[in-house]
Amino acid sequence: MTGYYDYVLGLIPAALIGVTAALYLVGVPTTAALPGGALVAGTIMAHAMFVRAPIRPADAGARSNP
């Protein structure tokens, strides 16, 4: 069963390579396209770490009970 973090692990290299290639094909120089791809990949990683942070199973029960 694939979960959120499995998709994140696949999206990181896909975003880095895909966004860089797309920007390069549009005409952006490689020296500017690569940081653009890295920015998107970094945003995906930051979302996985800080917005939807993994929790331990012991913490999951504590959060569901008010």
N, C-alpha and C. Protein backbone atom coordinates (compact mmCIF):
# COMPACT_ATOMS: atom_id res chain seq x y z
N MET A 1 0.84 -1.17 0.00
CA MET A 1 0.00 0.00 0.00
C MET A 1 0.90 1.24 0.00
N THR A 2 0.64 2.11 -0.93
CA THR A 2 1.45 3.33 -1.00
C THR A 2 0.79 4.44 -0.20
N GLY A 3 1.63 5.19 0.47
CA GLY A 3 1.14 6.28 1.29
C GLY A 3 1.72 7.61 0.83
N TYR A 4 1.44 8.61 1.60
CA TYR A 4 1.87 9.97 1.28
C TYR A 4 3.39 10.06 1.12
N TYR A 5 4.13 9.44 2.02
CA TYR A 5 5.58 9.57 1.99
C TYR A 5 6.20 8.77 0.86
N ASP A 6 5.53 7.72 0.39
CA ASP A 6 6.00 7.02 -0.80
C ASP A 6 5.90 7.94 -2.02
N TYR A 7 4.82 8.67 -2.12
CA TYR A 7 4.66 9.61 -3.22
C TYR A 7 5.69 10.74 -3.13
N VAL A 8 5.95 11.20 -1.93
CA VAL A 8 6.93 12.27 -1.74
C VAL A 8 8.30 11.82 -2.21
N LEU A 9 8.69 10.59 -1.86
CA LEU A 9 9.99 10.08 -2.27
C LEU A 9 10.10 9.97 -3.79
N GLY A 10 9.00 9.71 -4.46
CA GLY A 10 9.02 9.67 -5.92
C GLY A 10 8.97 11.05 -6.55
N LEU A 11 8.30 11.98 -5.89
CA LEU A 11 8.15 13.33 -6.44
C LEU A 11 9.42 14.17 -6.34
N ILE A 12 10.27 13.88 -5.38
CA ILE A 12 11.47 14.70 -5.20
C ILE A 12 12.36 14.65 -6.45
N PRO A 13 12.79 13.48 -6.92
CA PRO A 13 13.62 13.48 -8.13
C PRO A 13 12.82 13.86 -9.38
N ALA A 14 11.53 13.51 -9.40
CA ALA A 14 10.72 13.87 -10.56
C ALA A 14 10.58 15.38 -10.69
N ALA A 15 10.41 16.06 -9.56
CA ALA A 15 10.31 17.51 -9.59
C ALA A 15 11.64 18.15 -9.97
N LEU A 16 12.72 17.64 -9.39
CA LEU A 16 14.03 18.20 -9.69
C LEU A 16 14.36 18.06 -11.17
N ILE A 17 14.19 16.88 -11.71
CA ILE A 17 14.51 16.65 -13.12
C ILE A 17 13.46 17.26 -14.04
N GLY A 18 12.19 17.06 -13.70
CA GLY A 18 11.11 17.52 -14.57
C GLY A 18 11.01 19.03 -14.68
N VAL A 19 11.06 19.71 -13.58
CA VAL A 19 10.97 21.17 -13.60
C VAL A 19 12.20 21.77 -14.27
N THR A 20 13.37 21.20 -13.98
CA THR A 20 14.59 21.69 -14.61
C THR A 20 14.51 21.50 -16.12
N ALA A 21 14.07 20.33 -16.56
CA ALA A 21 13.95 20.07 -18.01
C ALA A 21 12.91 20.97 -18.65
N ALA A 22 11.78 21.15 -17.98
CA ALA A 22 10.73 22.00 -18.54
C ALA A 22 11.20 23.45 -18.68
N LEU A 23 11.86 23.95 -17.65
CA LEU A 23 12.37 25.33 -17.74
C LEU A 23 13.43 25.46 -18.81
N TYR A 24 14.28 24.44 -18.95
CA TYR A 24 15.33 24.48 -19.97
C TYR A 24 14.71 24.45 -21.37
N LEU A 25 13.66 23.65 -21.55
CA LEU A 25 13.01 23.58 -22.86
C LEU A 25 12.28 24.87 -23.21
N VAL A 26 11.85 25.60 -22.22
CA VAL A 26 11.18 26.88 -22.46
C VAL A 26 12.18 27.95 -22.86
N GLY A 27 13.44 27.74 -22.49
CA GLY A 27 14.46 28.71 -22.87
C GLY A 27 15.20 29.32 -21.72
N VAL A 28 14.93 28.88 -20.52
CA VAL A 28 15.63 29.39 -19.35
C VAL A 28 17.02 28.74 -19.33
N PRO A 29 18.06 29.51 -19.07
CA PRO A 29 19.41 28.91 -19.01
C PRO A 29 19.50 27.85 -17.91
N THR A 30 20.40 26.90 -18.12
CA THR A 30 20.55 25.80 -17.17
C THR A 30 20.91 26.30 -15.78
N THR A 31 21.71 27.33 -15.70
CA THR A 31 22.12 27.86 -14.39
C THR A 31 20.96 28.47 -13.63
N ALA A 32 19.88 28.81 -14.31
CA ALA A 32 18.69 29.32 -13.63
C ALA A 32 17.62 28.23 -13.50
N ALA A 33 17.61 27.28 -14.42
CA ALA A 33 16.59 26.22 -14.39
C ALA A 33 16.84 25.24 -13.25
N LEU A 34 18.09 24.92 -12.99
CA LEU A 34 18.41 23.96 -11.94
C LEU A 34 18.00 24.45 -10.55
N PRO A 35 18.29 25.71 -10.18
CA PRO A 35 17.76 26.18 -8.88
C PRO A 35 16.24 26.22 -8.83
N GLY A 36 15.59 26.43 -9.96
CA GLY A 36 14.12 26.39 -9.99
C GLY A 36 13.60 25.01 -9.68
N GLY A 37 14.22 23.98 -10.27
CA GLY A 37 13.82 22.61 -9.96
C GLY A 37 14.12 22.24 -8.53
N ALA A 38 15.26 22.71 -8.03
CA ALA A 38 15.62 22.43 -6.64
C ALA A 38 14.67 23.12 -5.67
N LEU A 39 14.18 24.29 -6.03
CA LEU A 39 13.22 24.99 -5.18
C LEU A 39 11.92 24.21 -5.07
N VAL A 40 11.45 23.67 -6.18
CA VAL A 40 10.22 22.87 -6.15
C VAL A 40 10.43 21.60 -5.34
N ALA A 41 11.57 20.92 -5.55
CA ALA A 41 11.86 19.70 -4.78
C ALA A 41 12.00 20.02 -3.30
N GLY A 42 12.61 21.12 -2.97
CA GLY A 42 12.74 21.54 -1.57
C GLY A 42 11.40 21.86 -0.94
N THR A 43 10.51 22.44 -1.72
CA THR A 43 9.17 22.75 -1.22
C THR A 43 8.41 21.47 -0.90
N ILE A 44 8.56 20.46 -1.75
CA ILE A 44 7.91 19.17 -1.48
C ILE A 44 8.47 18.55 -0.20
N MET A 45 9.77 18.61 -0.03
CA MET A 45 10.38 18.06 1.19
C MET A 45 9.94 18.84 2.43
N ALA A 46 9.88 20.15 2.33
CA ALA A 46 9.46 20.96 3.48
C ALA A 46 8.01 20.66 3.85
N HIS A 47 7.17 20.45 2.86
CA HIS A 47 5.78 20.11 3.14
C HIS A 47 5.70 18.78 3.87
N ALA A 48 6.51 17.82 3.43
CA ALA A 48 6.48 16.50 4.07
C ALA A 48 7.03 16.54 5.49
N MET A 49 7.98 17.43 5.75
CA MET A 49 8.58 17.47 7.08
C MET A 49 7.82 18.34 8.07
N PHE A 50 7.28 19.46 7.61
CA PHE A 50 6.74 20.44 8.54
C PHE A 50 5.23 20.58 8.49
N VAL A 51 4.62 20.48 7.32
CA VAL A 51 3.17 20.64 7.23
C VAL A 51 2.47 19.34 7.58
N ARG A 52 2.96 18.26 6.99
CA ARG A 52 2.37 16.95 7.27
C ARG A 52 3.44 16.06 7.88
N ALA A 53 3.85 16.42 9.05
CA ALA A 53 4.95 15.74 9.73
C ALA A 53 4.53 14.33 10.15
N PRO A 54 5.46 13.39 10.04
CA PRO A 54 5.15 12.04 10.50
C PRO A 54 5.03 12.01 12.02
N ILE A 55 4.14 11.16 12.50
CA ILE A 55 3.96 11.02 13.94
C ILE A 55 4.22 9.58 14.32
N ARG A 56 4.63 9.38 15.56
CA ARG A 56 4.84 8.03 16.07
C ARG A 56 3.49 7.41 16.39
N PRO A 57 3.38 6.08 16.33
CA PRO A 57 2.09 5.44 16.66
C PRO A 57 1.61 5.77 18.07
N ALA A 58 2.51 5.97 19.02
CA ALA A 58 2.09 6.31 20.38
C ALA A 58 1.46 7.70 20.42
N ASP A 59 1.94 8.62 19.57
CA ASP A 59 1.37 9.97 19.53
C ASP A 59 0.04 10.01 18.82
N ALA A 60 -0.22 9.07 17.94
CA ALA A 60 -1.47 9.09 17.17
C ALA A 60 -2.68 8.92 18.07
N GLY A 61 -2.60 8.04 19.04
CA GLY A 61 -3.71 7.84 19.96
C GLY A 61 -3.92 9.03 20.86
N ALA A 62 -2.85 9.68 21.24
CA ALA A 62 -2.96 10.83 22.14
C ALA A 62 -3.61 12.01 21.44
N ARG A 63 -3.39 12.14 20.15
CA ARG A 63 -3.97 13.27 19.42
C ARG A 63 -5.44 13.07 19.11
N SER A 64 -5.89 11.82 18.98
CA SER A 64 -7.28 11.59 18.60
C SER A 64 -8.23 11.70 19.80
N ASN A 65 -7.73 11.58 21.00
CA ASN A 65 -8.58 11.71 22.19
C ASN A 65 -8.53 13.14 22.70
N PRO A 66 -9.68 13.80 22.78
CA PRO A 66 -9.68 15.20 23.26
C PRO A 66 -9.45 15.31 24.74
